Amino acid sequence: MLSTKVETAESRAAREIRQILESGRPLAYVRTSEEQRVARVLQDVAGRVGGATPYSVWTWSLTEGMRREGEAADASAGDPRRALDLIVAHRGPAIFHLRDFHEPLRTSPEIRRRLRDVYQDSLGQKKFVVITAPVRAIPEELERSIVYFELRPPDSVELVSFLRGQTGGRIQEAVLDQFARALQGLTLDESRFALHRAIAATATLGSESIPALLEEKRLLVNRSGVVEYISDGTTLDDVGGLENLKKWLLDRRKLFEMRDALSAEIVPKGLLMMGIPGCGKSLAVKAIASSFRLPLYRVDMVEIFSGRHGKPEGVFVEACRMMEEMSPAVLWFDEIEQGIMSAETGGEHGRIFGFFLTWMQEKVRGLFVAATANRIETLPAEMIRKGRFDEVFFVDLPVDDERLEILRIHLTRRGVDASRFDLKQLLSFTVGWAGAELEQCVVSAITQARLEDREVTDQDLIDVAVRIVPLSRTMKEQINKIRAWAFERAVRATPHTL
């Protein structure tokens, strides 16, 4: 029963094009570089809308001329004007796919005039022209006659169908669904390369092939320069303390997994974590992705405003749009205060802020946003009000029990048996320490012991601890200011007592 449902399901791309044809609009312009994919979709649509009188599908290009599926091409129709003449002369239901027709439209008044003739001739005749091009180039005189849209990356329905064809039915439907989720956001060509990588990496195609698919996806996503795919494997058990935050995440994970069955206002949108540097905000974000069993993407706000990738406003919008296509996923805005400033500041910062507020309200359900900030006083009030994020958490310096847990985690992670140590004696030496400083204490102690070719001891930890000057002492005034600011504006990630 499941297999039949998949076979008859309609992809998002097919539905969009079908609805345009059913509206009777003769001319459509699709911005995409995936012309082979459009050809497949048009064949699918022709079978759905044809009914008793099937639609024929014709394809034109400057190099090959006009041809119908399964027939030899008419090379004499390589001339754009002759191609349009053939469309006018054709009788019967048909879909004409004109590849890269934007160049003749842009350079030839004769072609623009003839396409307007095609529009008039095709009205009510079940003849449709679909122009595909990697750029948008619609002449002003045709703006009102052509319906334009940008082809989004394939959805799960299209990916499953594509993967089934590529694998020849050798893998189970459940695995196909896993592959489709892993490849979400990629083009079909990119998905093909990722599949070949997985085949080369594993003897069989199964769940064990997912890491190879994600590695190819990481390479493709990272090429943007402002979005990075994070493959870390951090879990909530790797985060010391922050029990309020952990409980909140576990509760919201259940809602997020049920997102398709819930109303939009109940589906978790995301959270904002602010607080003292080195206290685990970044680590917690990585654990969120692991807890939600979703891929993690990091948007670098500093890189966006570097100017190396174009105008920051456009780069930021494009990054957000791209991430929507990658959903379901966790999207991490690191140091969000670097780019999100009040609209009152004007310029690009203000426009980005305005876009971000709207986008947070309207983004797809499958995208959970995790934002981190250090300079919290620079964040505008509109950013932290209820409804923008589901919750705003303040990450403070760890209390006694948290410091003990963090020390145990870092010792265990480095292959040292934490039960051999009396860690409580370190509490008096580590008052006011951040998690990063506790980690450095462990690393330095282990390093010294390895240099002397012996096991690390309690004394090694104490010797390092007495030499470290914590951030809470060197930046006492700034930390007190952060705490005062967050006192009535955020929820503590740590209970007051543990």
Foldseek 3Di string as FASTA:
>chain_A
DVVVCLVPDQWPLLVVVLVVLVVQQAAAEEADPPLVVVVVSVVVSQVVPQPPHGAWEWEAELQQAIDTPPDHHDNVRSPLVSVLVVLLVDAGAYEYEYEPCLVCQQPPPVNVVSVVVSRVSRRPRNHHYYYYHNDDRHDPVCVVRYHYDYDFAIALSVQLVLVCVVVVNPDDSVQSSVLRLLCFLDHSVLSVVLVVQLVVVDVDRGPVSSVSSNVSVQVVQCVLVFKGWDDDPQAPLLQFFLVLQVVVLLVLLVQLVVVVVDDPLSNALAEEEEEAPQAQLVSVLVNSCVSSVFIEMEGELVRLPPCPNHPSLVSLVVVLVSVLRSFLHEYEYEQVLSQAADLVVPDSSNVSNVVLQVCSLPGDSSYYYYYYHYPVVRHDPSCQDPPSHVFYEYRYADDLSRLLSLLCSLCVVVPHHPVQAPCSVCSVLQPPAHSNVSNVLVVQQCVVQVVVPHDRYNVSSVVSSNVDDHPCVVVVVVNVVRCVVCVPRHHYSHPPPD
